[in-house]
Amino acid sequence: MSNTSEHFTQAAERFDRSPTSQQLSAMAEKIWPLLALDPKQHWLDFGAGTGVLSVPLAQQVAQVTALDTSAAMLERLAAKQVANITILNQDIFTGLDQHYDGIISSMALHHVADTQRLLNCMRQALVSGGQLALIDLYAEDGSFHGDNNAKGVKHLGFEPDVLMQQAEQVGFHQLKLQHIFSIEKRTGQSYPLFLLLGTAR
């Protein structure tokens, strides 16, 4: 087991109780009004973890597929027994066998080295007109996670202009990026998060 896999396996047990996860749970209600959700849709939650977004999203749409590479995280989500959440334990780069009305992701983007390749995979997995909603950190000094290598951190946040350009290049339009939330750490530091919205051409 790699150091990163070991980290997420150990983190799964306490993940829902962590201050960061509890703050992210509270963020969900800020996001839903900004999306065009309806009860017939099927959404993909990329990097779903224990379901911080999957569980509340499942109350808004017909089906949520929760994708993550951490089996331990997904076991925690499966134990919540939400009928319209499907668990998918795989790497997105191995290919997805269906298309989605929307893809949402919270705090997973910075764990993937090739951001543009990931955005392209997301575009290919969406129906035409499908919605993209990505939540992650603005560029930061590396202090958010602390031990970045062990925690699988590939990017110390993101510069909005660069991310939006990458999304446009792979086939997203109607792009909007805004501050959506800030995570407060016990150290007293505050880390702003953005929400990037887009539509698949």
N, C-alpha and C. Protein backbone atom coordinates (compact mmCIF):
# COMPACT_ATOMS: atom_id res chain seq x y z
N MET A 1 0.86 -1.20 0.00
CA MET A 1 0.00 0.00 0.00
C MET A 1 0.89 1.25 0.00
N SER A 2 0.62 2.19 -0.89
CA SER A 2 1.41 3.42 -0.95
C SER A 2 1.13 4.27 0.28
N ASN A 3 2.02 5.25 0.53
CA ASN A 3 1.81 6.15 1.66
C ASN A 3 0.49 6.90 1.54
N THR A 4 0.17 7.32 0.30
CA THR A 4 -1.08 8.05 0.10
C THR A 4 -2.28 7.15 0.37
N SER A 5 -2.27 5.92 -0.14
CA SER A 5 -3.37 4.99 0.09
C SER A 5 -3.53 4.72 1.58
N GLU A 6 -2.40 4.56 2.25
CA GLU A 6 -2.43 4.31 3.70
C GLU A 6 -3.03 5.49 4.43
N HIS A 7 -2.68 6.70 3.99
CA HIS A 7 -3.24 7.90 4.62
C HIS A 7 -4.76 7.92 4.52
N PHE A 8 -5.30 7.66 3.32
CA PHE A 8 -6.75 7.73 3.15
C PHE A 8 -7.46 6.58 3.86
N THR A 9 -6.80 5.43 3.95
CA THR A 9 -7.39 4.31 4.70
C THR A 9 -7.51 4.67 6.17
N GLN A 10 -6.46 5.25 6.72
CA GLN A 10 -6.49 5.65 8.12
C GLN A 10 -7.44 6.82 8.36
N ALA A 11 -7.49 7.74 7.40
CA ALA A 11 -8.34 8.92 7.55
C ALA A 11 -9.82 8.59 7.46
N ALA A 12 -10.17 7.51 6.76
CA ALA A 12 -11.58 7.18 6.53
C ALA A 12 -12.36 7.03 7.83
N GLU A 13 -11.71 6.43 8.82
CA GLU A 13 -12.40 6.13 10.08
C GLU A 13 -12.87 7.40 10.79
N ARG A 14 -12.08 8.45 10.70
CA ARG A 14 -12.40 9.68 11.43
C ARG A 14 -12.83 10.83 10.51
N PHE A 15 -12.93 10.53 9.21
CA PHE A 15 -13.11 11.60 8.23
C PHE A 15 -14.37 12.43 8.47
N ASP A 16 -15.49 11.78 8.70
CA ASP A 16 -16.74 12.52 8.87
C ASP A 16 -16.75 13.41 10.12
N ARG A 17 -15.92 13.04 11.09
CA ARG A 17 -15.88 13.80 12.35
C ARG A 17 -14.84 14.92 12.34
N SER A 18 -14.04 14.97 11.28
CA SER A 18 -12.98 15.98 11.25
C SER A 18 -13.59 17.37 11.07
N PRO A 19 -12.96 18.39 11.66
CA PRO A 19 -13.47 19.76 11.52
C PRO A 19 -13.61 20.20 10.07
N THR A 20 -12.65 19.80 9.23
CA THR A 20 -12.70 20.19 7.82
C THR A 20 -13.92 19.58 7.14
N SER A 21 -14.17 18.30 7.36
CA SER A 21 -15.32 17.64 6.74
C SER A 21 -16.63 18.24 7.22
N GLN A 22 -16.70 18.57 8.49
CA GLN A 22 -17.93 19.15 9.01
C GLN A 22 -18.18 20.53 8.39
N GLN A 23 -17.11 21.27 8.17
CA GLN A 23 -17.28 22.56 7.50
C GLN A 23 -17.70 22.38 6.05
N LEU A 24 -17.13 21.38 5.37
CA LEU A 24 -17.51 21.12 3.98
C LEU A 24 -18.95 20.67 3.87
N SER A 25 -19.44 19.93 4.85
CA SER A 25 -20.84 19.50 4.85
C SER A 25 -21.77 20.70 4.87
N ALA A 26 -21.40 21.70 5.66
CA ALA A 26 -22.22 22.91 5.75
C ALA A 26 -22.22 23.70 4.45
N MET A 27 -21.21 23.49 3.61
CA MET A 27 -21.09 24.22 2.34
C MET A 27 -22.12 23.78 1.32
N ALA A 28 -22.61 22.53 1.43
CA ALA A 28 -23.49 21.97 0.41
C ALA A 28 -24.69 22.87 0.12
N GLU A 29 -25.29 23.41 1.16
CA GLU A 29 -26.49 24.23 0.97
C GLU A 29 -26.21 25.51 0.18
N LYS A 30 -24.96 25.93 0.13
CA LYS A 30 -24.60 27.10 -0.67
C LYS A 30 -24.50 26.76 -2.16
N ILE A 31 -24.27 25.49 -2.44
CA ILE A 31 -24.00 25.07 -3.81
C ILE A 31 -25.27 24.76 -4.59
N TRP A 32 -26.22 24.06 -3.97
CA TRP A 32 -27.40 23.58 -4.72
C TRP A 32 -28.15 24.70 -5.45
N PRO A 33 -28.34 25.88 -4.86
CA PRO A 33 -29.07 26.92 -5.60
C PRO A 33 -28.34 27.41 -6.85
N LEU A 34 -27.04 27.14 -6.95
CA LEU A 34 -26.26 27.60 -8.09
C LEU A 34 -26.25 26.59 -9.24
N LEU A 35 -26.84 25.41 -9.01
CA LEU A 35 -26.90 24.37 -10.02
C LEU A 35 -28.33 24.21 -10.53
N ALA A 36 -28.46 23.69 -11.75
CA ALA A 36 -29.78 23.40 -12.30
C ALA A 36 -30.08 21.92 -12.04
N LEU A 37 -30.57 21.64 -10.84
CA LEU A 37 -30.82 20.26 -10.43
C LEU A 37 -32.28 19.89 -10.67
N ASP A 38 -32.50 18.63 -11.07
CA ASP A 38 -33.88 18.14 -11.15
C ASP A 38 -33.89 16.65 -10.80
N PRO A 39 -35.05 16.13 -10.40
CA PRO A 39 -35.14 14.77 -9.88
C PRO A 39 -34.96 13.65 -10.91
N LYS A 40 -34.66 14.00 -12.16
CA LYS A 40 -34.43 12.97 -13.18
C LYS A 40 -32.94 12.78 -13.47
N GLN A 41 -32.10 13.61 -12.90
CA GLN A 41 -30.69 13.64 -13.28
C GLN A 41 -29.86 12.54 -12.61
N HIS A 42 -28.75 12.22 -13.28
CA HIS A 42 -27.73 11.30 -12.75
C HIS A 42 -26.42 12.08 -12.68
N TRP A 43 -25.88 12.23 -11.49
CA TRP A 43 -24.64 12.98 -11.28
C TRP A 43 -23.52 12.06 -10.86
N LEU A 44 -22.29 12.45 -11.19
CA LEU A 44 -21.07 11.80 -10.73
C LEU A 44 -20.41 12.70 -9.70
N ASP A 45 -20.08 12.12 -8.55
CA ASP A 45 -19.29 12.82 -7.54
C ASP A 45 -17.88 12.28 -7.62
N PHE A 46 -16.96 13.08 -8.15
CA PHE A 46 -15.57 12.65 -8.33
C PHE A 46 -14.79 12.89 -7.04
N GLY A 47 -14.12 11.83 -6.55
CA GLY A 47 -13.42 11.94 -5.28
C GLY A 47 -14.41 12.05 -4.14
N ALA A 48 -15.42 11.19 -4.18
CA ALA A 48 -16.57 11.32 -3.28
C ALA A 48 -16.23 11.09 -1.81
N GLY A 49 -15.17 10.32 -1.55
CA GLY A 49 -14.82 10.06 -0.16
C GLY A 49 -15.94 9.36 0.59
N THR A 50 -16.29 9.89 1.75
CA THR A 50 -17.34 9.29 2.58
C THR A 50 -18.73 9.86 2.27
N GLY A 51 -18.79 10.71 1.23
CA GLY A 51 -20.10 11.19 0.80
C GLY A 51 -20.52 12.55 1.31
N VAL A 52 -19.55 13.40 1.62
CA VAL A 52 -19.87 14.74 2.12
C VAL A 52 -20.82 15.46 1.17
N LEU A 53 -20.62 15.31 -0.14
CA LEU A 53 -21.53 15.90 -1.12
C LEU A 53 -22.50 14.88 -1.70
N SER A 54 -22.07 13.63 -1.83
CA SER A 54 -22.94 12.61 -2.45
C SER A 54 -24.26 12.45 -1.71
N VAL A 55 -24.18 12.40 -0.39
CA VAL A 55 -25.39 12.14 0.40
C VAL A 55 -26.42 13.26 0.26
N PRO A 56 -26.06 14.53 0.46
CA PRO A 56 -27.07 15.58 0.26
C PRO A 56 -27.49 15.74 -1.20
N LEU A 57 -26.57 15.49 -2.14
CA LEU A 57 -26.93 15.59 -3.55
C LEU A 57 -27.96 14.53 -3.92
N ALA A 58 -27.86 13.36 -3.32
CA ALA A 58 -28.79 12.27 -3.62
C ALA A 58 -30.23 12.62 -3.26
N GLN A 59 -30.41 13.63 -2.41
CA GLN A 59 -31.76 14.09 -2.08
C GLN A 59 -32.33 15.01 -3.15
N GLN A 60 -31.46 15.46 -4.07
CA GLN A 60 -31.87 16.43 -5.08
C GLN A 60 -32.08 15.82 -6.46
N VAL A 61 -31.44 14.66 -6.71
CA VAL A 61 -31.45 14.08 -8.05
C VAL A 61 -31.83 12.60 -7.99
N ALA A 62 -31.98 11.99 -9.17
CA ALA A 62 -32.42 10.58 -9.22
C ALA A 62 -31.31 9.63 -8.79
N GLN A 63 -30.08 9.89 -9.22
CA GLN A 63 -28.99 8.94 -8.98
C GLN A 63 -27.68 9.69 -8.83
N VAL A 64 -26.85 9.22 -7.91
CA VAL A 64 -25.49 9.73 -7.75
C VAL A 64 -24.54 8.55 -7.83
N THR A 65 -23.53 8.66 -8.69
CA THR A 65 -22.44 7.69 -8.71
C THR A 65 -21.28 8.31 -7.95
N ALA A 66 -20.86 7.65 -6.90
CA ALA A 66 -19.79 8.14 -6.04
C ALA A 66 -18.48 7.44 -6.41
N LEU A 67 -17.59 8.18 -7.04
CA LEU A 67 -16.34 7.60 -7.53
C LEU A 67 -15.18 8.03 -6.64
N ASP A 68 -14.37 7.04 -6.26
CA ASP A 68 -13.17 7.34 -5.47
C ASP A 68 -12.19 6.17 -5.64
N THR A 69 -10.90 6.46 -5.47
CA THR A 69 -9.90 5.39 -5.53
C THR A 69 -9.67 4.76 -4.17
N SER A 70 -10.23 5.34 -3.12
CA SER A 70 -10.05 4.80 -1.76
C SER A 70 -11.22 3.90 -1.38
N ALA A 71 -10.97 2.60 -1.33
CA ALA A 71 -12.01 1.64 -0.94
C ALA A 71 -12.48 1.90 0.49
N ALA A 72 -11.55 2.31 1.36
CA ALA A 72 -11.91 2.54 2.76
C ALA A 72 -12.89 3.70 2.90
N MET A 73 -12.66 4.75 2.14
CA MET A 73 -13.58 5.89 2.16
C MET A 73 -14.96 5.46 1.66
N LEU A 74 -14.98 4.73 0.56
CA LEU A 74 -16.26 4.33 -0.02
C LEU A 74 -17.00 3.32 0.86
N GLU A 75 -16.28 2.53 1.63
CA GLU A 75 -16.94 1.63 2.57
C GLU A 75 -17.73 2.42 3.60
N ARG A 76 -17.18 3.54 4.03
CA ARG A 76 -17.88 4.41 4.98
C ARG A 76 -19.14 4.98 4.35
N LEU A 77 -19.04 5.35 3.08
CA LEU A 77 -20.20 5.87 2.37
C LEU A 77 -21.25 4.77 2.18
N ALA A 78 -20.84 3.59 1.78
CA ALA A 78 -21.77 2.48 1.57
C ALA A 78 -22.54 2.14 2.84
N ALA A 79 -21.87 2.29 3.99
CA ALA A 79 -22.51 1.97 5.27
C ALA A 79 -23.66 2.91 5.59
N LYS A 80 -23.71 4.06 4.92
CA LYS A 80 -24.81 5.01 5.15
C LYS A 80 -26.09 4.57 4.44
N GLN A 81 -25.97 3.60 3.55
CA GLN A 81 -27.12 2.94 2.91
C GLN A 81 -28.10 3.93 2.27
N VAL A 82 -27.57 4.77 1.41
CA VAL A 82 -28.42 5.69 0.64
C VAL A 82 -28.79 4.98 -0.66
N ALA A 83 -30.07 4.74 -0.85
CA ALA A 83 -30.52 3.85 -1.92
C ALA A 83 -30.10 4.30 -3.32
N ASN A 84 -30.07 5.58 -3.57
CA ASN A 84 -29.78 6.05 -4.93
C ASN A 84 -28.34 6.53 -5.12
N ILE A 85 -27.43 6.02 -4.28
CA ILE A 85 -26.00 6.25 -4.48
C ILE A 85 -25.35 4.94 -4.89
N THR A 86 -24.66 4.97 -6.04
CA THR A 86 -23.91 3.82 -6.54
C THR A 86 -22.43 4.05 -6.26
N ILE A 87 -21.78 3.08 -5.67
CA ILE A 87 -20.36 3.18 -5.33
C ILE A 87 -19.52 2.72 -6.51
N LEU A 88 -18.48 3.49 -6.85
CA LEU A 88 -17.59 3.15 -7.95
C LEU A 88 -16.14 3.35 -7.49
N ASN A 89 -15.48 2.25 -7.17
CA ASN A 89 -14.11 2.29 -6.66
C ASN A 89 -13.13 2.07 -7.83
N GLN A 90 -12.74 3.18 -8.47
CA GLN A 90 -11.82 3.08 -9.60
C GLN A 90 -11.17 4.43 -9.87
N ASP A 91 -10.16 4.39 -10.72
CA ASP A 91 -9.50 5.59 -11.21
C ASP A 91 -10.30 6.10 -12.41
N ILE A 92 -10.61 7.37 -12.43
CA ILE A 92 -11.41 7.93 -13.53
C ILE A 92 -10.71 7.75 -14.88
N PHE A 93 -9.37 7.66 -14.86
CA PHE A 93 -8.63 7.55 -16.11
C PHE A 93 -8.74 6.16 -16.75
N THR A 94 -9.31 5.19 -16.05
CA THR A 94 -9.52 3.87 -16.64
C THR A 94 -10.78 3.85 -17.50
N GLY A 95 -11.54 4.93 -17.48
CA GLY A 95 -12.72 5.05 -18.35
C GLY A 95 -14.02 4.83 -17.61
N LEU A 96 -15.03 5.56 -18.02
CA LEU A 96 -16.37 5.45 -17.44
C LEU A 96 -17.31 4.92 -18.50
N ASP A 97 -18.22 4.03 -18.11
CA ASP A 97 -19.06 3.36 -19.11
C ASP A 97 -20.42 4.02 -19.32
N GLN A 98 -20.61 5.22 -18.77
CA GLN A 98 -21.85 5.93 -19.01
C GLN A 98 -21.62 7.43 -18.97
N HIS A 99 -22.66 8.16 -19.35
CA HIS A 99 -22.59 9.62 -19.35
C HIS A 99 -23.50 10.18 -18.26
N TYR A 100 -23.13 11.36 -17.78
CA TYR A 100 -23.80 11.96 -16.63
C TYR A 100 -24.37 13.33 -16.99
N ASP A 101 -25.39 13.71 -16.23
CA ASP A 101 -25.98 15.04 -16.40
C ASP A 101 -25.14 16.11 -15.70
N GLY A 102 -24.35 15.69 -14.75
CA GLY A 102 -23.49 16.63 -14.03
C GLY A 102 -22.37 15.90 -13.33
N ILE A 103 -21.27 16.62 -13.13
CA ILE A 103 -20.15 16.12 -12.34
C ILE A 103 -19.82 17.17 -11.29
N ILE A 104 -19.73 16.70 -10.06
CA ILE A 104 -19.36 17.58 -8.95
C ILE A 104 -18.14 16.99 -8.26
N SER A 105 -17.34 17.84 -7.68
CA SER A 105 -16.16 17.37 -6.96
C SER A 105 -15.77 18.40 -5.91
N SER A 106 -15.43 17.91 -4.73
CA SER A 106 -15.01 18.79 -3.65
C SER A 106 -13.66 18.34 -3.10
N MET A 107 -12.68 19.19 -3.23
CA MET A 107 -11.37 18.99 -2.63
C MET A 107 -10.66 17.73 -3.14
N ALA A 108 -10.92 17.37 -4.39
CA ALA A 108 -10.25 16.22 -4.99
C ALA A 108 -9.31 16.63 -6.12
N LEU A 109 -9.59 17.76 -6.72
CA LEU A 109 -8.83 18.20 -7.89
C LEU A 109 -7.34 18.31 -7.59
N HIS A 110 -7.00 18.79 -6.40
CA HIS A 110 -5.58 19.01 -6.09
C HIS A 110 -4.82 17.71 -5.83
N HIS A 111 -5.52 16.58 -5.83
CA HIS A 111 -4.87 15.28 -5.67
C HIS A 111 -4.53 14.63 -7.01
N VAL A 112 -4.87 15.29 -8.12
CA VAL A 112 -4.63 14.72 -9.46
C VAL A 112 -3.57 15.55 -10.16
N ALA A 113 -2.49 14.89 -10.58
CA ALA A 113 -1.35 15.62 -11.15
C ALA A 113 -1.72 16.34 -12.45
N ASP A 114 -2.38 15.65 -13.38
CA ASP A 114 -2.67 16.21 -14.71
C ASP A 114 -4.08 16.78 -14.73
N THR A 115 -4.19 18.05 -14.37
CA THR A 115 -5.50 18.69 -14.26
C THR A 115 -6.23 18.74 -15.59
N GLN A 116 -5.53 19.08 -16.66
CA GLN A 116 -6.20 19.20 -17.95
C GLN A 116 -6.70 17.84 -18.45
N ARG A 117 -5.93 16.79 -18.22
CA ARG A 117 -6.38 15.45 -18.60
C ARG A 117 -7.64 15.08 -17.81
N LEU A 118 -7.65 15.42 -16.53
CA LEU A 118 -8.83 15.14 -15.70
C LEU A 118 -10.05 15.89 -16.22
N LEU A 119 -9.87 17.17 -16.52
CA LEU A 119 -10.98 17.97 -17.04
C LEU A 119 -11.50 17.40 -18.35
N ASN A 120 -10.60 16.90 -19.18
CA ASN A 120 -11.00 16.29 -20.44
C ASN A 120 -11.81 15.02 -20.20
N CYS A 121 -11.37 14.21 -19.24
CA CYS A 121 -12.14 13.01 -18.88
C CYS A 121 -13.54 13.38 -18.41
N MET A 122 -13.63 14.42 -17.61
CA MET A 122 -14.93 14.87 -17.12
C MET A 122 -15.80 15.33 -18.27
N ARG A 123 -15.20 16.09 -19.20
CA ARG A 123 -15.98 16.55 -20.37
C ARG A 123 -16.51 15.36 -21.16
N GLN A 124 -15.69 14.35 -21.37
CA GLN A 124 -16.11 13.19 -22.15
C GLN A 124 -17.18 12.38 -21.43
N ALA A 125 -17.24 12.49 -20.11
CA ALA A 125 -18.22 11.72 -19.33
C ALA A 125 -19.56 12.44 -19.19
N LEU A 126 -19.63 13.67 -19.67
CA LEU A 126 -20.86 14.45 -19.55
C LEU A 126 -21.66 14.43 -20.85
N VAL A 127 -22.97 14.48 -20.70
CA VAL A 127 -23.83 14.68 -21.86
C VAL A 127 -23.62 16.11 -22.35
N SER A 128 -23.97 16.39 -23.59
CA SER A 128 -23.91 17.75 -24.10
C SER A 128 -24.84 18.62 -23.25
N GLY A 129 -24.33 19.71 -22.77
CA GLY A 129 -25.11 20.55 -21.86
C GLY A 129 -24.99 20.16 -20.40
N GLY A 130 -24.20 19.11 -20.14
CA GLY A 130 -24.01 18.66 -18.76
C GLY A 130 -23.27 19.69 -17.92
N GLN A 131 -23.51 19.65 -16.62
CA GLN A 131 -22.97 20.66 -15.72
C GLN A 131 -21.70 20.17 -15.01
N LEU A 132 -20.77 21.09 -14.83
CA LEU A 132 -19.54 20.85 -14.09
C LEU A 132 -19.53 21.76 -12.87
N ALA A 133 -19.21 21.21 -11.69
CA ALA A 133 -19.12 22.00 -10.47
C ALA A 133 -17.95 21.49 -9.64
N LEU A 134 -16.88 22.27 -9.63
CA LEU A 134 -15.65 21.86 -8.95
C LEU A 134 -15.35 22.81 -7.80
N ILE A 135 -15.13 22.24 -6.62
CA ILE A 135 -14.77 23.02 -5.44
C ILE A 135 -13.36 22.66 -5.04
N ASP A 136 -12.51 23.67 -4.87
CA ASP A 136 -11.14 23.38 -4.42
C ASP A 136 -10.51 24.66 -3.87
N LEU A 137 -9.27 24.54 -3.52
CA LEU A 137 -8.52 25.63 -2.90
C LEU A 137 -7.97 26.61 -3.92
N TYR A 138 -8.05 27.89 -3.60
CA TYR A 138 -7.23 28.85 -4.31
C TYR A 138 -5.77 28.54 -3.98
N ALA A 139 -4.85 29.03 -4.80
CA ALA A 139 -3.42 28.80 -4.57
C ALA A 139 -3.06 29.16 -3.13
N GLU A 140 -2.36 28.23 -2.45
CA GLU A 140 -1.98 28.45 -1.05
C GLU A 140 -0.52 28.07 -0.85
N ASP A 141 -0.01 28.26 0.36
CA ASP A 141 1.42 28.12 0.62
C ASP A 141 1.85 26.71 1.00
N GLY A 142 0.93 25.75 0.91
CA GLY A 142 1.28 24.38 1.26
C GLY A 142 0.97 24.00 2.68
N SER A 143 0.47 24.96 3.47
CA SER A 143 0.20 24.70 4.88
C SER A 143 -1.16 24.06 5.13
N PHE A 144 -2.03 24.02 4.13
CA PHE A 144 -3.38 23.50 4.35
C PHE A 144 -3.33 22.04 4.81
N HIS A 145 -2.59 21.21 4.08
CA HIS A 145 -2.50 19.80 4.43
C HIS A 145 -1.34 19.49 5.37
N GLY A 146 -0.29 20.27 5.27
CA GLY A 146 0.88 19.97 6.08
C GLY A 146 1.81 19.02 5.36
N ASP A 147 1.67 17.72 5.60
CA ASP A 147 2.52 16.72 4.96
C ASP A 147 1.95 16.41 3.58
N ASN A 148 2.28 17.25 2.61
CA ASN A 148 1.66 17.18 1.29
C ASN A 148 1.96 15.89 0.54
N ASN A 149 3.19 15.41 0.63
CA ASN A 149 3.56 14.18 -0.10
C ASN A 149 2.79 12.98 0.42
N ALA A 150 2.74 12.82 1.72
CA ALA A 150 2.05 11.67 2.31
C ALA A 150 0.55 11.71 2.04
N LYS A 151 0.02 12.91 1.87
CA LYS A 151 -1.42 13.06 1.65
C LYS A 151 -1.78 13.14 0.17
N GLY A 152 -0.81 12.89 -0.69
CA GLY A 152 -1.09 12.81 -2.12
C GLY A 152 -1.43 14.13 -2.76
N VAL A 153 -0.92 15.21 -2.24
CA VAL A 153 -1.20 16.54 -2.79
C VAL A 153 -0.32 16.80 -4.00
N LYS A 154 -0.94 17.10 -5.13
CA LYS A 154 -0.21 17.36 -6.38
C LYS A 154 -0.18 18.84 -6.73
N HIS A 155 -1.12 19.61 -6.19
CA HIS A 155 -1.20 21.04 -6.46
C HIS A 155 -1.48 21.77 -5.16
N LEU A 156 -0.78 22.86 -4.92
CA LEU A 156 -1.05 23.69 -3.74
C LEU A 156 -2.11 24.73 -4.12
N GLY A 157 -3.30 24.21 -4.37
CA GLY A 157 -4.38 25.06 -4.83
C GLY A 157 -4.23 25.42 -6.30
N PHE A 158 -5.07 26.36 -6.75
CA PHE A 158 -5.13 26.67 -8.17
C PHE A 158 -5.28 28.17 -8.41
N GLU A 159 -4.71 28.62 -9.52
CA GLU A 159 -4.93 29.99 -10.01
C GLU A 159 -6.18 29.97 -10.89
N PRO A 160 -7.19 30.76 -10.58
CA PRO A 160 -8.45 30.71 -11.31
C PRO A 160 -8.31 30.84 -12.83
N ASP A 161 -7.50 31.79 -13.29
CA ASP A 161 -7.39 32.02 -14.73
C ASP A 161 -6.84 30.80 -15.45
N VAL A 162 -5.86 30.14 -14.85
CA VAL A 162 -5.26 28.96 -15.46
C VAL A 162 -6.27 27.83 -15.54
N LEU A 163 -6.99 27.61 -14.45
CA LEU A 163 -7.97 26.53 -14.41
C LEU A 163 -9.10 26.75 -15.40
N MET A 164 -9.58 27.98 -15.49
CA MET A 164 -10.66 28.28 -16.43
C MET A 164 -10.20 28.11 -17.88
N GLN A 165 -8.96 28.49 -18.15
CA GLN A 165 -8.42 28.31 -19.50
C GLN A 165 -8.34 26.83 -19.86
N GLN A 166 -7.90 26.01 -18.91
CA GLN A 166 -7.81 24.57 -19.15
C GLN A 166 -9.19 23.98 -19.40
N ALA A 167 -10.17 24.41 -18.63
CA ALA A 167 -11.53 23.91 -18.80
C ALA A 167 -12.10 24.30 -20.17
N GLU A 168 -11.82 25.51 -20.59
CA GLU A 168 -12.30 25.98 -21.89
C GLU A 168 -11.66 25.18 -23.03
N GLN A 169 -10.38 24.88 -22.88
CA GLN A 169 -9.65 24.17 -23.93
C GLN A 169 -10.18 22.76 -24.17
N VAL A 170 -10.74 22.12 -23.15
CA VAL A 170 -11.23 20.75 -23.32
C VAL A 170 -12.72 20.69 -23.67
N GLY A 171 -13.38 21.85 -23.76
CA GLY A 171 -14.76 21.82 -24.24
C GLY A 171 -15.83 22.28 -23.28
N PHE A 172 -15.45 23.06 -22.27
CA PHE A 172 -16.45 23.65 -21.38
C PHE A 172 -16.65 25.12 -21.75
N HIS A 173 -17.86 25.60 -21.58
CA HIS A 173 -18.12 27.02 -21.78
C HIS A 173 -19.04 27.51 -20.67
N GLN A 174 -19.48 28.75 -20.76
CA GLN A 174 -20.28 29.38 -19.70
C GLN A 174 -19.59 29.22 -18.34
N LEU A 175 -18.29 29.41 -18.36
CA LEU A 175 -17.49 29.20 -17.16
C LEU A 175 -17.60 30.37 -16.19
N LYS A 176 -17.77 30.05 -14.92
CA LYS A 176 -17.82 31.04 -13.85
C LYS A 176 -17.05 30.49 -12.66
N LEU A 177 -16.28 31.35 -12.03
CA LEU A 177 -15.55 30.94 -10.85
C LEU A 177 -15.76 31.97 -9.75
N GLN A 178 -16.12 31.49 -8.57
CA GLN A 178 -16.40 32.41 -7.47
C GLN A 178 -15.97 31.80 -6.14
N HIS A 179 -15.70 32.68 -5.21
CA HIS A 179 -15.42 32.23 -3.85
C HIS A 179 -16.73 31.67 -3.27
N ILE A 180 -16.66 30.48 -2.70
CA ILE A 180 -17.87 29.84 -2.19
C ILE A 180 -17.84 29.62 -0.69
N PHE A 181 -16.63 29.53 -0.11
CA PHE A 181 -16.54 29.13 1.28
C PHE A 181 -15.10 29.35 1.75
N SER A 182 -14.89 29.37 3.03
CA SER A 182 -13.54 29.37 3.59
C SER A 182 -13.47 28.34 4.71
N ILE A 183 -12.42 27.55 4.70
CA ILE A 183 -12.20 26.58 5.76
C ILE A 183 -11.30 27.20 6.82
N GLU A 184 -11.77 27.15 8.05
CA GLU A 184 -11.02 27.71 9.16
C GLU A 184 -10.29 26.58 9.88
N LYS A 185 -8.98 26.72 10.02
CA LYS A 185 -8.16 25.73 10.70
C LYS A 185 -7.96 26.14 12.16
N ARG A 186 -7.62 25.15 12.97
CA ARG A 186 -7.39 25.41 14.39
C ARG A 186 -6.21 26.34 14.61
N THR A 187 -5.34 26.43 13.63
CA THR A 187 -4.19 27.33 13.72
C THR A 187 -4.60 28.80 13.61
N GLY A 188 -5.86 29.01 13.22
CA GLY A 188 -6.34 30.36 13.01
C GLY A 188 -6.28 30.80 11.56
N GLN A 189 -5.66 29.97 10.72
CA GLN A 189 -5.58 30.30 9.30
C GLN A 189 -6.89 29.99 8.60
N SER A 190 -7.19 30.81 7.61
CA SER A 190 -8.41 30.64 6.82
C SER A 190 -8.01 30.38 5.37
N TYR A 191 -8.64 29.37 4.77
CA TYR A 191 -8.30 28.97 3.40
C TYR A 191 -9.55 29.09 2.52
N PRO A 192 -9.56 30.04 1.59
CA PRO A 192 -10.73 30.21 0.72
C PRO A 192 -10.83 29.11 -0.33
N LEU A 193 -12.06 28.72 -0.61
CA LEU A 193 -12.35 27.74 -1.64
C LEU A 193 -13.13 28.41 -2.76
N PHE A 194 -12.90 27.96 -3.99
CA PHE A 194 -13.66 28.45 -5.13
C PHE A 194 -14.64 27.39 -5.60
N LEU A 195 -15.65 27.84 -6.29
CA LEU A 195 -16.55 26.97 -7.03
C LEU A 195 -16.43 27.34 -8.50
N LEU A 196 -16.00 26.37 -9.30
CA LEU A 196 -15.93 26.57 -10.76
C LEU A 196 -17.13 25.89 -11.39
N LEU A 197 -17.93 26.66 -12.09
CA LEU A 197 -19.09 26.14 -12.80
C LEU A 197 -18.85 26.22 -14.30
N GLY A 198 -19.31 25.21 -15.01
CA GLY A 198 -19.20 25.20 -16.45
C GLY A 198 -20.22 24.29 -17.08
N THR A 199 -20.36 24.40 -18.39
CA THR A 199 -21.31 23.58 -19.14
C THR A 199 -20.57 22.89 -20.29
N ALA A 200 -20.83 21.61 -20.48
CA ALA A 200 -20.18 20.87 -21.56
C ALA A 200 -20.78 21.27 -22.90
N ARG A 201 -19.92 21.58 -23.87
CA ARG A 201 -20.40 21.94 -25.21
C ARG A 201 -21.02 20.73 -25.89
